[in-house]
Amino acid sequence: MPGVPNPFPSLKARAMLRLLQAELGYAVVRQSGSHRRLAAEGWPELTFAFHDKRSLTPVEVRDILVKQVGLTVDDALKVVRGEG
């Protein structure tokens, strides 16, 4: 929707990985280069394929948390804000 700001922030890939680990319980179960396979009880497995210093756009942050992990938009925003 044009004109509607995305409420998600941009995050460094390293910060997103820390968020997934600390807030949702994900752990790296396998790694090959910058590709990490993450698993957490009760959540789908993820392939996290970003270099640590790369900035993820707000769209990518939302995609990971909502589409890949399966959180609602409200729950994903709470996790990003540290309220979850």
Protein backbone atom coordinates (compact mmCIF):
# COMPACT_ATOMS: atom_id res chain seq x y z
CA MET A 1 0.00 0.00 0.00
CA PRO A 2 1.66 3.22 -1.10
CA GLY A 3 2.06 5.84 1.56
CA VAL A 4 1.76 3.43 4.50
CA PRO A 5 5.08 3.14 6.35
CA ASN A 6 6.35 -0.34 7.21
CA PRO A 7 6.32 -0.62 11.03
CA PHE A 8 9.25 -3.05 11.01
CA PRO A 9 12.79 -1.72 11.46
CA SER A 10 15.80 -2.62 9.38
CA LEU A 11 18.20 -4.84 11.32
CA LYS A 12 21.72 -6.09 10.83
CA ALA A 13 21.69 -9.81 10.07
CA ARG A 14 23.64 -10.49 13.27
CA ALA A 15 20.97 -8.65 15.31
CA MET A 16 18.21 -10.65 13.59
CA LEU A 17 20.00 -13.90 14.38
CA ARG A 18 20.35 -12.86 18.05
CA LEU A 19 16.65 -11.96 18.12
CA LEU A 20 15.65 -15.37 16.73
CA GLN A 21 17.86 -17.09 19.28
CA ALA A 22 17.01 -15.02 22.37
CA GLU A 23 13.31 -14.35 21.81
CA LEU A 24 12.15 -17.48 19.97
CA GLY A 25 14.63 -20.11 21.13
CA TYR A 26 16.25 -20.85 17.78
CA ALA A 27 19.69 -22.50 17.74
CA VAL A 28 22.13 -23.07 14.91
CA VAL A 29 22.06 -26.80 14.15
CA ARG A 30 24.20 -26.72 11.01
CA GLN A 31 26.33 -24.13 9.22
CA SER A 32 28.01 -23.94 5.82
CA GLY A 33 29.66 -20.59 5.21
CA SER A 34 27.11 -17.85 5.85
CA HIS A 35 24.21 -20.32 5.54
CA ARG A 36 22.93 -21.37 8.94
CA ARG A 37 20.17 -23.89 9.56
CA LEU A 38 18.16 -22.91 12.63
CA ALA A 39 15.79 -25.04 14.66
CA ALA A 40 13.57 -24.34 17.65
CA GLU A 41 10.99 -26.43 19.42
CA GLY A 42 7.52 -25.51 18.25
CA TRP A 43 8.73 -23.41 15.30
CA PRO A 44 9.58 -24.35 11.70
CA GLU A 45 13.23 -24.82 10.73
CA LEU A 46 14.80 -21.84 8.96
CA THR A 47 17.74 -21.37 6.65
CA PHE A 48 19.38 -18.08 7.57
CA ALA A 49 21.57 -17.15 4.61
CA PHE A 50 22.80 -13.64 5.36
CA HIS A 51 26.26 -12.28 6.07
CA ASP A 52 26.45 -10.94 9.64
CA LYS A 53 27.07 -7.31 8.70
CA ARG A 54 24.42 -7.08 5.98
CA SER A 55 21.43 -4.88 6.79
CA LEU A 56 18.07 -6.56 6.37
CA THR A 57 15.33 -4.31 5.03
CA PRO A 58 12.07 -3.91 6.97
CA VAL A 59 10.40 -6.11 4.32
CA GLU A 60 12.97 -8.88 4.91
CA VAL A 61 12.55 -8.63 8.70
CA ARG A 62 8.78 -8.98 8.32
CA ASP A 63 9.17 -11.84 5.84
CA ILE A 64 11.38 -13.85 8.19
CA LEU A 65 9.19 -13.36 11.26
CA VAL A 66 5.73 -13.53 9.67
CA LYS A 67 6.04 -15.71 6.57
CA GLN A 68 8.87 -18.04 7.57
CA VAL A 69 8.48 -18.33 11.36
CA GLY A 70 4.69 -17.96 11.28
CA LEU A 71 4.14 -15.16 13.80
CA THR A 72 1.25 -12.75 13.44
CA VAL A 73 2.24 -9.21 12.48
CA ASP A 74 1.39 -8.00 16.01
CA ASP A 75 3.44 -10.76 17.65
CA ALA A 76 6.36 -10.15 15.27
CA LEU A 77 6.36 -6.44 16.15
CA LYS A 78 6.38 -7.30 19.87
CA VAL A 79 9.38 -9.59 19.35
CA VAL A 80 11.25 -6.89 17.40
CA ARG A 81 10.49 -4.33 20.12
CA GLY A 82 11.60 -6.73 22.86
CA GLU A 83 8.08 -7.02 24.28
CA GLY A 84 7.59 -10.63 23.31
